[in-house]
Amino acid sequence: MNTYTQEDRNSDFDFFVKNYQCLFKQYGHKFLAIKNKQVLGSYSTIADAIHQLSDNYKPGTYIIQECNGDDSAYKVSIMRLMIKG
């Protein structure tokens, strides 16, 4: 059985981060599908990536990362808003 584990996802994300500038130079602002440290394809939207990959890969067996030219593609900032009602 060919599984895609959390360790595989982490490894592919590390590959994305380590190679980010080269990937951006090669693909520009795209959504990259990555599996086993290989780019499966570059797409204009996440939906396009999922649709195009669905014939050959099951959802959850690869990662999709936005490659936009700066570190906001792989860094997340979560802010908590307090609203008084």
PDB file of N, CA and C in Angstrom:
ATOM      1  N   MET A   1       0.839  -1.184   0.000  1.00  0.00           N
ATOM      2  CA  MET A   1       0.000   0.000   0.000  1.00  0.00           C
ATOM      3  C   MET A   1       0.887   1.252   0.000  1.00  0.00           C
ATOM      4  N   ASN A   2       0.624   2.151  -0.901  1.00  0.00           N
ATOM      5  CA  ASN A   2       1.395   3.380  -1.024  1.00  0.00           C
ATOM      6  C   ASN A   2       0.708   4.484  -0.224  1.00  0.00           C
ATOM      7  N   THR A   3       1.299   4.855   0.910  1.00  0.00           N
ATOM      8  CA  THR A   3       0.689   5.872   1.762  1.00  0.00           C
ATOM      9  C   THR A   3       1.530   7.138   1.726  1.00  0.00           C
ATOM     10  N   TYR A   4       0.890   8.224   2.078  1.00  0.00           N
ATOM     11  CA  TYR A   4       1.554   9.528   2.158  1.00  0.00           C
ATOM     12  C   TYR A   4       1.379   9.996   3.588  1.00  0.00           C
ATOM     13  N   THR A   5       2.436   9.902   4.367  1.00  0.00           N
ATOM     14  CA  THR A   5       2.378  10.133   5.806  1.00  0.00           C
ATOM     15  C   THR A   5       2.617  11.599   6.159  1.00  0.00           C
ATOM     16  N   GLN A   6       2.404  11.904   7.431  1.00  0.00           N
ATOM     17  CA  GLN A   6       2.717  13.251   7.919  1.00  0.00           C
ATOM     18  C   GLN A   6       4.207  13.541   7.749  1.00  0.00           C
ATOM     19  N   GLU A   7       5.024  12.545   7.926  1.00  0.00           N
ATOM     20  CA  GLU A   7       6.471  12.705   7.709  1.00  0.00           C
ATOM     21  C   GLU A   7       6.757  13.061   6.246  1.00  0.00           C
ATOM     22  N   ASP A   8       6.048  12.434   5.315  1.00  0.00           N
ATOM     23  CA  ASP A   8       6.198  12.756   3.890  1.00  0.00           C
ATOM     24  C   ASP A   8       5.779  14.203   3.622  1.00  0.00           C
ATOM     25  N   ARG A   9       4.651  14.620   4.207  1.00  0.00           N
ATOM     26  CA  ARG A   9       4.180  16.002   4.039  1.00  0.00           C
ATOM     27  C   ARG A   9       5.210  16.993   4.587  1.00  0.00           C
ATOM     28  N   ASN A  10       5.726  16.699   5.763  1.00  0.00           N
ATOM     29  CA  ASN A  10       6.743  17.576   6.362  1.00  0.00           C
ATOM     30  C   ASN A  10       7.994  17.650   5.491  1.00  0.00           C
ATOM     31  N   SER A  11       8.417  16.523   4.964  1.00  0.00           N
ATOM     32  CA  SER A  11       9.589  16.472   4.102  1.00  0.00           C
ATOM     33  C   SER A  11       9.366  17.291   2.829  1.00  0.00           C
ATOM     34  N   ASP A  12       8.170  17.174   2.244  1.00  0.00           N
ATOM     35  CA  ASP A  12       7.862  17.938   1.041  1.00  0.00           C
ATOM     36  C   ASP A  12       7.757  19.427   1.343  1.00  0.00           C
ATOM     37  N   PHE A  13       7.215  19.781   2.507  1.00  0.00           N
ATOM     38  CA  PHE A  13       7.156  21.188   2.883  1.00  0.00           C
ATOM     39  C   PHE A  13       8.561  21.749   3.096  1.00  0.00           C
ATOM     40  N   ASP A  14       9.423  20.976   3.747  1.00  0.00           N
ATOM     41  CA  ASP A  14      10.815  21.396   3.937  1.00  0.00           C
ATOM     42  C   ASP A  14      11.505  21.603   2.586  1.00  0.00           C
ATOM     43  N   PHE A  15      11.253  20.706   1.647  1.00  0.00           N
ATOM     44  CA  PHE A  15      11.786  20.849   0.292  1.00  0.00           C
ATOM     45  C   PHE A  15      11.307  22.164  -0.329  1.00  0.00           C
ATOM     46  N   PHE A  16      10.024  22.462  -0.172  1.00  0.00           N
ATOM     47  CA  PHE A  16       9.453  23.698  -0.707  1.00  0.00           C
ATOM     48  C   PHE A  16      10.145  24.921  -0.116  1.00  0.00           C
ATOM     49  N   VAL A  17      10.299  24.944   1.193  1.00  0.00           N
ATOM     50  CA  VAL A  17      10.908  26.096   1.864  1.00  0.00           C
ATOM     51  C   VAL A  17      12.379  26.242   1.474  1.00  0.00           C
ATOM     52  N   LYS A  18      13.111  25.148   1.485  1.00  0.00           N
ATOM     53  CA  LYS A  18      14.547  25.203   1.173  1.00  0.00           C
ATOM     54  C   LYS A  18      14.814  25.623  -0.269  1.00  0.00           C
ATOM     55  N   ASN A  19      13.913  25.298  -1.158  1.00  0.00           N
ATOM     56  CA  ASN A  19      14.099  25.581  -2.579  1.00  0.00           C
ATOM     57  C   ASN A  19      13.201  26.703  -3.079  1.00  0.00           C
ATOM     58  N   TYR A  20      12.641  27.468  -2.145  1.00  0.00           N
ATOM     59  CA  TYR A  20      11.606  28.450  -2.474  1.00  0.00           C
ATOM     60  C   TYR A  20      12.026  29.444  -3.556  1.00  0.00           C
ATOM     61  N   GLN A  21      13.163  30.066  -3.419  1.00  0.00           N
ATOM     62  CA  GLN A  21      13.581  31.082  -4.391  1.00  0.00           C
ATOM     63  C   GLN A  21      13.787  30.480  -5.780  1.00  0.00           C
ATOM     64  N   CYS A  22      14.381  29.314  -5.849  1.00  0.00           N
ATOM     65  CA  CYS A  22      14.561  28.644  -7.147  1.00  0.00           C
ATOM     66  C   CYS A  22      13.215  28.261  -7.761  1.00  0.00           C
ATOM     67  N   LEU A  23      12.308  27.780  -6.918  1.00  0.00           N
ATOM     68  CA  LEU A  23      10.974  27.419  -7.411  1.00  0.00           C
ATOM     69  C   LEU A  23      10.239  28.647  -7.940  1.00  0.00           C
ATOM     70  N   PHE A  24      10.365  29.767  -7.218  1.00  0.00           N
ATOM     71  CA  PHE A  24       9.702  30.988  -7.677  1.00  0.00           C
ATOM     72  C   PHE A  24      10.302  31.461  -9.003  1.00  0.00           C
ATOM     73  N   LYS A  25      11.609  31.387  -9.121  1.00  0.00           N
ATOM     74  CA  LYS A  25      12.251  31.784 -10.388  1.00  0.00           C
ATOM     75  C   LYS A  25      11.785  30.903 -11.540  1.00  0.00           C
ATOM     76  N   GLN A  26      11.618  29.629 -11.263  1.00  0.00           N
ATOM     77  CA  GLN A  26      11.223  28.694 -12.322  1.00  0.00           C
ATOM     78  C   GLN A  26       9.739  28.786 -12.671  1.00  0.00           C
ATOM     79  N   TYR A  27       8.857  28.914 -11.654  1.00  0.00           N
ATOM     80  CA  TYR A  27       7.419  28.826 -11.888  1.00  0.00           C
ATOM     81  C   TYR A  27       6.681  30.154 -11.759  1.00  0.00           C
ATOM     82  N   GLY A  28       7.283  31.127 -11.093  1.00  0.00           N
ATOM     83  CA  GLY A  28       6.579  32.382 -10.864  1.00  0.00           C
ATOM     84  C   GLY A  28       5.490  32.212  -9.815  1.00  0.00           C
ATOM     85  N   HIS A  29       4.523  33.124  -9.812  1.00  0.00           N
ATOM     86  CA  HIS A  29       3.440  33.083  -8.831  1.00  0.00           C
ATOM     87  C   HIS A  29       2.419  32.025  -9.249  1.00  0.00           C
ATOM     88  N   LYS A  30       2.566  30.848  -8.676  1.00  0.00           N
ATOM     89  CA  LYS A  30       1.711  29.700  -8.971  1.00  0.00           C
ATOM     90  C   LYS A  30       1.467  28.903  -7.700  1.00  0.00           C
ATOM     91  N   PHE A  31       0.547  27.977  -7.778  1.00  0.00           N
ATOM     92  CA  PHE A  31       0.329  26.995  -6.727  1.00  0.00           C
ATOM     93  C   PHE A  31       1.037  25.724  -7.186  1.00  0.00           C
ATOM     94  N   LEU A  32       1.980  25.256  -6.377  1.00  0.00           N
ATOM     95  CA  LEU A  32       2.782  24.100  -6.742  1.00  0.00           C
ATOM     96  C   LEU A  32       2.295  22.861  -6.006  1.00  0.00           C
ATOM     97  N   ALA A  33       2.079  21.791  -6.746  1.00  0.00           N
ATOM     98  CA  ALA A  33       1.763  20.498  -6.157  1.00  0.00           C
ATOM     99  C   ALA A  33       3.077  19.739  -6.034  1.00  0.00           C
ATOM    100  N   ILE A  34       3.349  19.243  -4.830  1.00  0.00           N
ATOM    101  CA  ILE A  34       4.632  18.593  -4.549  1.00  0.00           C
ATOM    102  C   ILE A  34       4.385  17.245  -3.888  1.00  0.00           C
ATOM    103  N   LYS A  35       5.118  16.253  -4.350  1.00  0.00           N
ATOM    104  CA  LYS A  35       5.073  14.917  -3.746  1.00  0.00           C
ATOM    105  C   LYS A  35       6.459  14.305  -3.867  1.00  0.00           C
ATOM    106  N   ASN A  36       6.960  13.768  -2.764  1.00  0.00           N
ATOM    107  CA  ASN A  36       8.279  13.114  -2.740  1.00  0.00           C
ATOM    108  C   ASN A  36       9.377  14.038  -3.270  1.00  0.00           C
ATOM    109  N   LYS A  37       9.308  15.311  -2.845  1.00  0.00           N
ATOM    110  CA  LYS A  37      10.306  16.325  -3.200  1.00  0.00           C
ATOM    111  C   LYS A  37      10.402  16.569  -4.707  1.00  0.00           C
ATOM    112  N   GLN A  38       9.284  16.357  -5.389  1.00  0.00           N
ATOM    113  CA  GLN A  38       9.199  16.635  -6.818  1.00  0.00           C
ATOM    114  C   GLN A  38       7.961  17.465  -7.083  1.00  0.00           C
ATOM    115  N   VAL A  39       8.085  18.433  -7.970  1.00  0.00           N
ATOM    116  CA  VAL A  39       6.942  19.261  -8.346  1.00  0.00           C
ATOM    117  C   VAL A  39       6.123  18.482  -9.368  1.00  0.00           C
ATOM    118  N   LEU A  40       4.871  18.215  -9.001  1.00  0.00           N
ATOM    119  CA  LEU A  40       3.973  17.496  -9.904  1.00  0.00           C
ATOM    120  C   LEU A  40       3.422  18.420 -10.983  1.00  0.00           C
ATOM    121  N   GLY A  41       3.296  19.706 -10.639  1.00  0.00           N
ATOM    122  CA  GLY A  41       2.785  20.679 -11.593  1.00  0.00           C
ATOM    123  C   GLY A  41       2.627  22.032 -10.943  1.00  0.00           C
ATOM    124  N   SER A  42       2.436  23.050 -11.782  1.00  0.00           N
ATOM    125  CA  SER A  42       2.191  24.410 -11.299  1.00  0.00           C
ATOM    126  C   SER A  42       0.851  24.868 -11.863  1.00  0.00           C
ATOM    127  N   TYR A  43       0.070  25.557 -11.021  1.00  0.00           N
ATOM    128  CA  TYR A  43      -1.310  25.876 -11.375  1.00  0.00           C
ATOM    129  C   TYR A  43      -1.667  27.294 -10.940  1.00  0.00           C
ATOM    130  N   SER A  44      -2.641  27.867 -11.615  1.00  0.00           N
ATOM    131  CA  SER A  44      -3.085  29.229 -11.305  1.00  0.00           C
ATOM    132  C   SER A  44      -3.907  29.296 -10.025  1.00  0.00           C
ATOM    133  N   THR A  45      -4.622  28.229  -9.696  1.00  0.00           N
ATOM    134  CA  THR A  45      -5.447  28.193  -8.484  1.00  0.00           C
ATOM    135  C   THR A  45      -5.319  26.828  -7.814  1.00  0.00           C
ATOM    136  N   ILE A  46      -5.701  26.770  -6.556  1.00  0.00           N
ATOM    137  CA  ILE A  46      -5.721  25.487  -5.840  1.00  0.00           C
ATOM    138  C   ILE A  46      -6.730  24.557  -6.487  1.00  0.00           C
ATOM    139  N   ALA A  47      -7.900  25.102  -6.825  1.00  0.00           N
ATOM    140  CA  ALA A  47      -8.950  24.284  -7.448  1.00  0.00           C
ATOM    141  C   ALA A  47      -8.452  23.669  -8.754  1.00  0.00           C
ATOM    142  N   ASP A  48      -7.734  24.439  -9.547  1.00  0.00           N
ATOM    143  CA  ASP A  48      -7.181  23.936 -10.801  1.00  0.00           C
ATOM    144  C   ASP A  48      -6.199  22.801 -10.535  1.00  0.00           C
ATOM    145  N   ALA A  49      -5.359  22.967  -9.517  1.00  0.00           N
ATOM    146  CA  ALA A  49      -4.393  21.920  -9.161  1.00  0.00           C
ATOM    147  C   ALA A  49      -5.109  20.626  -8.789  1.00  0.00           C
ATOM    148  N   ILE A  50      -6.085  20.728  -7.910  1.00  0.00           N
ATOM    149  CA  ILE A  50      -6.813  19.535  -7.459  1.00  0.00           C
ATOM    150  C   ILE A  50      -7.509  18.865  -8.631  1.00  0.00           C
ATOM    151  N   HIS A  51      -8.161  19.659  -9.463  1.00  0.00           N
ATOM    152  CA  HIS A  51      -8.880  19.112 -10.618  1.00  0.00           C
ATOM    153  C   HIS A  51      -7.923  18.387 -11.563  1.00  0.00           C
ATOM    154  N   GLN A  52      -6.806  19.034 -11.891  1.00  0.00           N
ATOM    155  CA  GLN A  52      -5.863  18.449 -12.844  1.00  0.00           C
ATOM    156  C   GLN A  52      -5.183  17.193 -12.285  1.00  0.00           C
ATOM    157  N   LEU A  53      -4.941  17.165 -10.991  1.00  0.00           N
ATOM    158  CA  LEU A  53      -4.247  16.028 -10.382  1.00  0.00           C
ATOM    159  C   LEU A  53      -5.164  14.854 -10.067  1.00  0.00           C
ATOM    160  N   SER A  54      -6.472  15.086 -10.064  1.00  0.00           N
ATOM    161  CA  SER A  54      -7.422  14.072  -9.583  1.00  0.00           C
ATOM    162  C   SER A  54      -7.411  12.779 -10.398  1.00  0.00           C
ATOM    163  N   ASP A  55      -6.991  12.820 -11.643  1.00  0.00           N
ATOM    164  CA  ASP A  55      -6.943  11.589 -12.438  1.00  0.00           C
ATOM    165  C   ASP A  55      -5.805  10.663 -12.022  1.00  0.00           C
ATOM    166  N   ASN A  56      -4.743  11.242 -11.461  1.00  0.00           N
ATOM    167  CA  ASN A  56      -3.563  10.438 -11.153  1.00  0.00           C
ATOM    168  C   ASN A  56      -3.227  10.309  -9.669  1.00  0.00           C
ATOM    169  N   TYR A  57      -3.771  11.208  -8.844  1.00  0.00           N
ATOM    170  CA  TYR A  57      -3.417  11.216  -7.421  1.00  0.00           C
ATOM    171  C   TYR A  57      -4.664  11.392  -6.565  1.00  0.00           C
ATOM    172  N   LYS A  58      -4.705  10.666  -5.469  1.00  0.00           N
ATOM    173  CA  LYS A  58      -5.795  10.835  -4.511  1.00  0.00           C
ATOM    174  C   LYS A  58      -5.554  12.095  -3.694  1.00  0.00           C
ATOM    175  N   PRO A  59      -6.629  12.808  -3.330  1.00  0.00           N
ATOM    176  CA  PRO A  59      -6.456  13.972  -2.448  1.00  0.00           C
ATOM    177  C   PRO A  59      -5.762  13.543  -1.161  1.00  0.00           C
ATOM    178  N   GLY A  60      -4.862  14.383  -0.680  1.00  0.00           N
ATOM    179  CA  GLY A  60      -4.147  14.072   0.546  1.00  0.00           C
ATOM    180  C   GLY A  60      -2.870  13.291   0.331  1.00  0.00           C
ATOM    181  N   THR A  61      -2.531  13.006  -0.934  1.00  0.00           N
ATOM    182  CA  THR A  61      -1.296  12.264  -1.203  1.00  0.00           C
ATOM    183  C   THR A  61      -0.221  13.165  -1.795  1.00  0.00           C
ATOM    184  N   TYR A  62      -0.388  14.467  -1.631  1.00  0.00           N
ATOM    185  CA  TYR A  62       0.567  15.471  -2.085  1.00  0.00           C
ATOM    186  C   TYR A  62       0.245  16.760  -1.336  1.00  0.00           C
ATOM    187  N   ILE A  63       1.125  17.744  -1.429  1.00  0.00           N
ATOM    188  CA  ILE A  63       0.827  19.048  -0.841  1.00  0.00           C
ATOM    189  C   ILE A  63       0.708  20.066  -1.967  1.00  0.00           C
ATOM    190  N   ILE A  64      -0.036  21.126  -1.694  1.00  0.00           N
ATOM    191  CA  ILE A  64      -0.127  22.258  -2.609  1.00  0.00           C
ATOM    192  C   ILE A  64       0.284  23.489  -1.823  1.00  0.00           C
ATOM    193  N   GLN A  65       1.270  24.213  -2.355  1.00  0.00           N
ATOM    194  CA  GLN A  65       1.777  25.415  -1.701  1.00  0.00           C
ATOM    195  C   GLN A  65       1.757  26.571  -2.691  1.00  0.00           C
ATOM    196  N   GLU A  66       1.316  27.726  -2.212  1.00  0.00           N
ATOM    197  CA  GLU A  66       1.373  28.917  -3.041  1.00  0.00           C
ATOM    198  C   GLU A  66       2.812  29.421  -3.074  1.00  0.00           C
ATOM    199  N   CYS A  67       3.291  29.710  -4.254  1.00  0.00           N
ATOM    200  CA  CYS A  67       4.624  30.258  -4.444  1.00  0.00           C
ATOM    201  C   CYS A  67       4.423  31.681  -4.969  1.00  0.00           C
ATOM    202  N   ASN A  68       4.570  32.678  -4.078  1.00  0.00           N
ATOM    203  CA  ASN A  68       4.233  34.051  -4.452  1.00  0.00           C
ATOM    204  C   ASN A  68       5.418  35.011  -4.424  1.00  0.00           C
ATOM    205  N   GLY A  69       6.604  34.507  -4.147  1.00  0.00           N
ATOM    206  CA  GLY A  69       7.790  35.342  -4.194  1.00  0.00           C
ATOM    207  C   GLY A  69       8.271  35.888  -2.869  1.00  0.00           C
ATOM    208  N   ASP A  70       7.491  35.719  -1.809  1.00  0.00           N
ATOM    209  CA  ASP A  70       7.983  36.148  -0.495  1.00  0.00           C
ATOM    210  C   ASP A  70       7.615  35.106   0.554  1.00  0.00           C
ATOM    211  N   ASP A  71       8.134  35.299   1.753  1.00  0.00           N
ATOM    212  CA  ASP A  71       7.975  34.266   2.780  1.00  0.00           C
ATOM    213  C   ASP A  71       6.553  34.138   3.334  1.00  0.00           C
ATOM    214  N   SER A  72       5.639  34.999   2.921  1.00  0.00           N
ATOM    215  CA  SER A  72       4.253  34.841   3.377  1.00  0.00           C
ATOM    216  C   SER A  72       3.633  33.555   2.836  1.00  0.00           C
ATOM    217  N   ALA A  73       4.250  32.962   1.825  1.00  0.00           N
ATOM    218  CA  ALA A  73       3.742  31.708   1.268  1.00  0.00           C
ATOM    219  C   ALA A  73       3.930  30.539   2.228  1.00  0.00           C
ATOM    220  N   TYR A  74       4.855  30.655   3.166  1.00  0.00           N
ATOM    221  CA  TYR A  74       5.083  29.542   4.088  1.00  0.00           C
ATOM    222  C   TYR A  74       5.136  29.960   5.547  1.00  0.00           C
ATOM    223  N   LYS A  75       4.755  31.196   5.819  1.00  0.00           N
ATOM    224  CA  LYS A  75       4.636  31.657   7.199  1.00  0.00           C
ATOM    225  C   LYS A  75       3.207  32.123   7.421  1.00  0.00           C
ATOM    226  N   VAL A  76       2.672  31.783   8.562  1.00  0.00           N
ATOM    227  CA  VAL A  76       1.291  32.138   8.870  1.00  0.00           C
ATOM    228  C   VAL A  76       1.272  32.965  10.140  1.00  0.00           C
ATOM    229  N   SER A  77       0.480  33.987  10.124  1.00  0.00           N
ATOM    230  CA  SER A  77       0.284  34.795  11.314  1.00  0.00           C
ATOM    231  C   SER A  77      -1.186  34.714  11.698  1.00  0.00           C
ATOM    232  N   ILE A  78      -1.435  34.261  12.909  1.00  0.00           N
ATOM    233  CA  ILE A  78      -2.815  34.138  13.379  1.00  0.00           C
ATOM    234  C   ILE A  78      -3.043  35.198  14.441  1.00  0.00           C
ATOM    235  N   MET A  79      -4.080  35.967  14.228  1.00  0.00           N
ATOM    236  CA  MET A  79      -4.396  37.034  15.173  1.00  0.00           C
ATOM    237  C   MET A  79      -5.779  36.779  15.761  1.00  0.00           C
ATOM    238  N   ARG A  80      -5.917  37.069  17.012  1.00  0.00           N
ATOM    239  CA  ARG A  80      -7.187  36.885  17.691  1.00  0.00           C
ATOM    240  C   ARG A  80      -7.854  38.247  17.824  1.00  0.00           C
ATOM    241  N   LEU A  81      -9.046  38.325  17.325  1.00  0.00           N
ATOM    242  CA  LEU A  81      -9.803  39.572  17.419  1.00  0.00           C
ATOM    243  C   LEU A  81     -10.785  39.481  18.575  1.00  0.00           C
ATOM    244  N   MET A  82     -10.842  40.522  19.342  1.00  0.00           N
ATOM    245  CA  MET A  82     -11.819  40.566  20.419  1.00  0.00           C
ATOM    246  C   MET A  82     -12.872  41.581  20.020  1.00  0.00           C
ATOM    247  N   ILE A  83     -14.078  41.109  19.926  1.00  0.00           N
ATOM    248  CA  ILE A  83     -15.184  41.972  19.520  1.00  0.00           C
ATOM    249  C   ILE A  83     -16.148  42.090  20.675  1.00  0.00           C
ATOM    250  N   LYS A  84     -16.449  43.308  21.027  1.00  0.00           N
ATOM    251  CA  LYS A  84     -17.452  43.540  22.071  1.00  0.00           C
ATOM    252  C   LYS A  84     -18.812  43.677  21.387  1.00  0.00           C
ATOM    253  N   GLY A  85     -19.752  42.975  21.936  1.00  0.00           N
ATOM    254  CA  GLY A  85     -21.074  43.011  21.307  1.00  0.00           C
ATOM    255  C   GLY A  85     -22.071  43.821  22.030  1.00  0.00           C
TER     256      GLY A  85
END
